[in-house]
Amino acid sequence: MNKALLIWDAFWRRRSLWITIFFTVTLGFLDDNSVVRLLTLKHENAILEEKIEKYEQDYEMAAKELQQLDVSQEAIERMARVKLQMKTDEEDIYIIE
C-alpha cells in the first residue's frame, strides 16, 4: 500500500506534465483535426494543384487549336488527317502501332 501511495504522489506532483502529454497525444494523433490528418490533406492539396495546372495547360492548348480551326482551312485539314485519320482520294494511309 505504501508503494501505491508513492506512485500516486509522484503522479500527482507531475500532473501538469501528464495532462500536457495527454492533450498532445489526443490533439496531435487521435482527433479529427490531428497533425497527421493535416499533413495528409496538405499532400493531397499539392497533388490536386498539380492536376489543376496540367488541366489549365491542356485547356490553353485546346483553346489555341480551336482558334486555329476557326481561322485556317489548313488547320482543319491537318486535324482531320492526324486525329481523325481521314485522307484524300489519291492517298493511302498506313497506320503502324
C-alpha atoms as a PDB file:
ATOM      1  CA  MET A   1       0.000   0.000   0.000  1.00  0.00           C
ATOM      2  CA  ASN A   2       2.840   2.319   0.745  1.00  0.00           C
ATOM      3  CA  LYS A   3       4.214   1.776  -2.780  1.00  0.00           C
ATOM      4  CA  ALA A   4       0.852   2.706  -4.305  1.00  0.00           C
ATOM      5  CA  LEU A   5       0.836   5.961  -2.343  1.00  0.00           C
ATOM      6  CA  LEU A   6       4.351   6.769  -3.533  1.00  0.00           C
ATOM      7  CA  ILE A   7       3.322   6.182  -7.148  1.00  0.00           C
ATOM      8  CA  TRP A   8       0.205   8.314  -6.710  1.00  0.00           C
ATOM      9  CA  ASP A   9       2.221  11.065  -5.050  1.00  0.00           C
ATOM     10  CA  ALA A  10       4.779  11.046  -7.899  1.00  0.00           C
ATOM     11  CA  PHE A  11       1.957  11.182 -10.468  1.00  0.00           C
ATOM     12  CA  TRP A  12       0.184  13.987  -8.598  1.00  0.00           C
ATOM     13  CA  ARG A  13       3.341  16.119  -8.406  1.00  0.00           C
ATOM     14  CA  ARG A  14       3.767  15.899 -12.175  1.00  0.00           C
ATOM     15  CA  ARG A  15       0.090  16.195 -13.066  1.00  0.00           C
ATOM     16  CA  SER A  16       0.646  19.151 -15.390  1.00  0.00           C
ATOM     17  CA  LEU A  17       3.200  17.096 -17.359  1.00  0.00           C
ATOM     18  CA  TRP A  18       0.783  14.166 -17.652  1.00  0.00           C
ATOM     19  CA  ILE A  19      -2.083  16.446 -18.667  1.00  0.00           C
ATOM     20  CA  THR A  20       0.126  18.081 -21.309  1.00  0.00           C
ATOM     21  CA  ILE A  21       1.167  14.685 -22.661  1.00  0.00           C
ATOM     22  CA  PHE A  22      -2.459  13.511 -22.714  1.00  0.00           C
ATOM     23  CA  PHE A  23      -3.709  16.552 -24.659  1.00  0.00           C
ATOM     24  CA  THR A  24      -0.728  16.471 -27.025  1.00  0.00           C
ATOM     25  CA  VAL A  25      -1.409  12.849 -27.913  1.00  0.00           C
ATOM     26  CA  THR A  26      -5.154  13.413 -28.162  1.00  0.00           C
ATOM     27  CA  LEU A  27      -4.990  16.525 -30.319  1.00  0.00           C
ATOM     28  CA  GLY A  28      -1.896  15.503 -32.257  1.00  0.00           C
ATOM     29  CA  PHE A  29      -2.851  11.991 -33.286  1.00  0.00           C
ATOM     30  CA  LEU A  30      -6.355  10.925 -32.227  1.00  0.00           C
ATOM     31  CA  ASP A  31      -8.511  13.959 -33.014  1.00  0.00           C
ATOM     32  CA  ASP A  32     -10.300  14.540 -36.336  1.00  0.00           C
ATOM     33  CA  ASN A  33      -8.161  17.648 -36.851  1.00  0.00           C
ATOM     34  CA  SER A  34      -4.908  15.932 -35.955  1.00  0.00           C
ATOM     35  CA  VAL A  35      -1.449  16.764 -37.234  1.00  0.00           C
ATOM     36  CA  VAL A  36      -1.354  13.532 -39.235  1.00  0.00           C
ATOM     37  CA  ARG A  37      -4.627  14.420 -40.970  1.00  0.00           C
ATOM     38  CA  LEU A  38      -3.355  17.950 -41.630  1.00  0.00           C
ATOM     39  CA  LEU A  39      -0.209  16.624 -43.315  1.00  0.00           C
ATOM     40  CA  THR A  40      -2.255  14.169 -45.382  1.00  0.00           C
ATOM     41  CA  LEU A  41      -4.575  16.937 -46.554  1.00  0.00           C
ATOM     42  CA  LYS A  42      -1.639  19.195 -47.453  1.00  0.00           C
ATOM     43  CA  HIS A  43      -0.149  16.388 -49.567  1.00  0.00           C
ATOM     44  CA  GLU A  44      -3.471  15.792 -51.332  1.00  0.00           C
ATOM     45  CA  ASN A  45      -3.815  19.539 -51.902  1.00  0.00           C
ATOM     46  CA  ALA A  46      -0.390  19.680 -53.557  1.00  0.00           C
ATOM     47  CA  ILE A  47      -1.336  16.790 -55.867  1.00  0.00           C
ATOM     48  CA  LEU A  48      -4.623  18.480 -56.795  1.00  0.00           C
ATOM     49  CA  GLU A  49      -2.876  21.780 -57.508  1.00  0.00           C
ATOM     50  CA  GLU A  50      -0.526  19.977 -59.905  1.00  0.00           C
ATOM     51  CA  LYS A  51      -3.539  18.457 -61.655  1.00  0.00           C
ATOM     52  CA  ILE A  52      -5.153  21.900 -61.900  1.00  0.00           C
ATOM     53  CA  GLU A  53      -2.032  23.300 -63.566  1.00  0.00           C
ATOM     54  CA  LYS A  54      -1.969  20.380 -66.022  1.00  0.00           C
ATOM     55  CA  TYR A  55      -5.633  20.839 -66.919  1.00  0.00           C
ATOM     56  CA  GLU A  56      -5.169  24.586 -67.348  1.00  0.00           C
ATOM     57  CA  GLN A  57      -2.316  23.932 -69.785  1.00  0.00           C
ATOM     58  CA  ASP A  58      -4.456  21.397 -71.660  1.00  0.00           C
ATOM     59  CA  TYR A  59      -7.275  23.936 -71.806  1.00  0.00           C
ATOM     60  CA  GLU A  60      -4.982  26.629 -73.198  1.00  0.00           C
ATOM     61  CA  MET A  61      -3.684  24.272 -75.897  1.00  0.00           C
ATOM     62  CA  ALA A  62      -7.230  23.234 -76.829  1.00  0.00           C
ATOM     63  CA  ALA A  63      -8.321  26.868 -76.987  1.00  0.00           C
ATOM     64  CA  LYS A  64      -5.413  27.684 -79.334  1.00  0.00           C
ATOM     65  CA  GLU A  65      -6.314  24.703 -81.542  1.00  0.00           C
ATOM     66  CA  LEU A  66      -9.929  25.811 -81.651  1.00  0.00           C
ATOM     67  CA  GLN A  67      -8.914  29.325 -82.590  1.00  0.00           C
ATOM     68  CA  GLN A  68      -6.717  27.970 -85.400  1.00  0.00           C
ATOM     69  CA  LEU A  69      -9.580  25.784 -86.638  1.00  0.00           C
ATOM     70  CA  ASP A  70     -11.820  28.840 -86.841  1.00  0.00           C
ATOM     71  CA  VAL A  71      -9.235  30.782 -88.850  1.00  0.00           C
ATOM     72  CA  SER A  72      -7.460  28.438 -91.254  1.00  0.00           C
ATOM     73  CA  GLN A  73      -8.531  25.709 -93.629  1.00  0.00           C
ATOM     74  CA  GLU A  74      -5.089  24.083 -93.397  1.00  0.00           C
ATOM     75  CA  ALA A  75      -5.571  23.551 -89.656  1.00  0.00           C
ATOM     76  CA  ILE A  76      -8.877  21.797 -90.336  1.00  0.00           C
ATOM     77  CA  GLU A  77      -7.232  19.506 -92.896  1.00  0.00           C
ATOM     78  CA  ARG A  78      -4.329  18.781 -90.519  1.00  0.00           C
ATOM     79  CA  MET A  79      -6.756  17.949 -87.707  1.00  0.00           C
ATOM     80  CA  ALA A  80      -8.764  15.663 -89.962  1.00  0.00           C
ATOM     81  CA  ARG A  81      -5.650  13.852 -91.183  1.00  0.00           C
ATOM     82  CA  VAL A  82      -3.886  13.434 -87.845  1.00  0.00           C
ATOM     83  CA  LYS A  83      -6.624  12.913 -85.306  1.00  0.00           C
ATOM     84  CA  LEU A  84      -9.465  11.511 -87.387  1.00  0.00           C
ATOM     85  CA  GLN A  85      -7.204   9.591 -89.814  1.00  0.00           C
ATOM     86  CA  MET A  86      -9.007  10.910 -92.880  1.00  0.00           C
ATOM     87  CA  LYS A  87      -7.419  11.017 -96.341  1.00  0.00           C
ATOM     88  CA  THR A  88      -7.911  12.421 -99.768  1.00  0.00           C
ATOM     89  CA  ASP A  89      -8.822  10.179-102.706  1.00  0.00           C
ATOM     90  CA  GLU A  90      -5.256   9.996-104.027  1.00  0.00           C
ATOM     91  CA  GLU A  91      -3.631   8.983-100.732  1.00  0.00           C
ATOM     92  CA  ASP A  92      -3.032   5.695 -98.992  1.00  0.00           C
ATOM     93  CA  ILE A  93      -2.663   5.700 -95.210  1.00  0.00           C
ATOM     94  CA  TYR A  94      -0.707   3.102 -93.286  1.00  0.00           C
ATOM     95  CA  ILE A  95      -1.195   3.025 -89.537  1.00  0.00           C
ATOM     96  CA  ILE A  96       1.637   1.447 -87.590  1.00  0.00           C
ATOM     97  CA  GLU A  97       1.053   0.766 -83.916  1.00  0.00           C
END
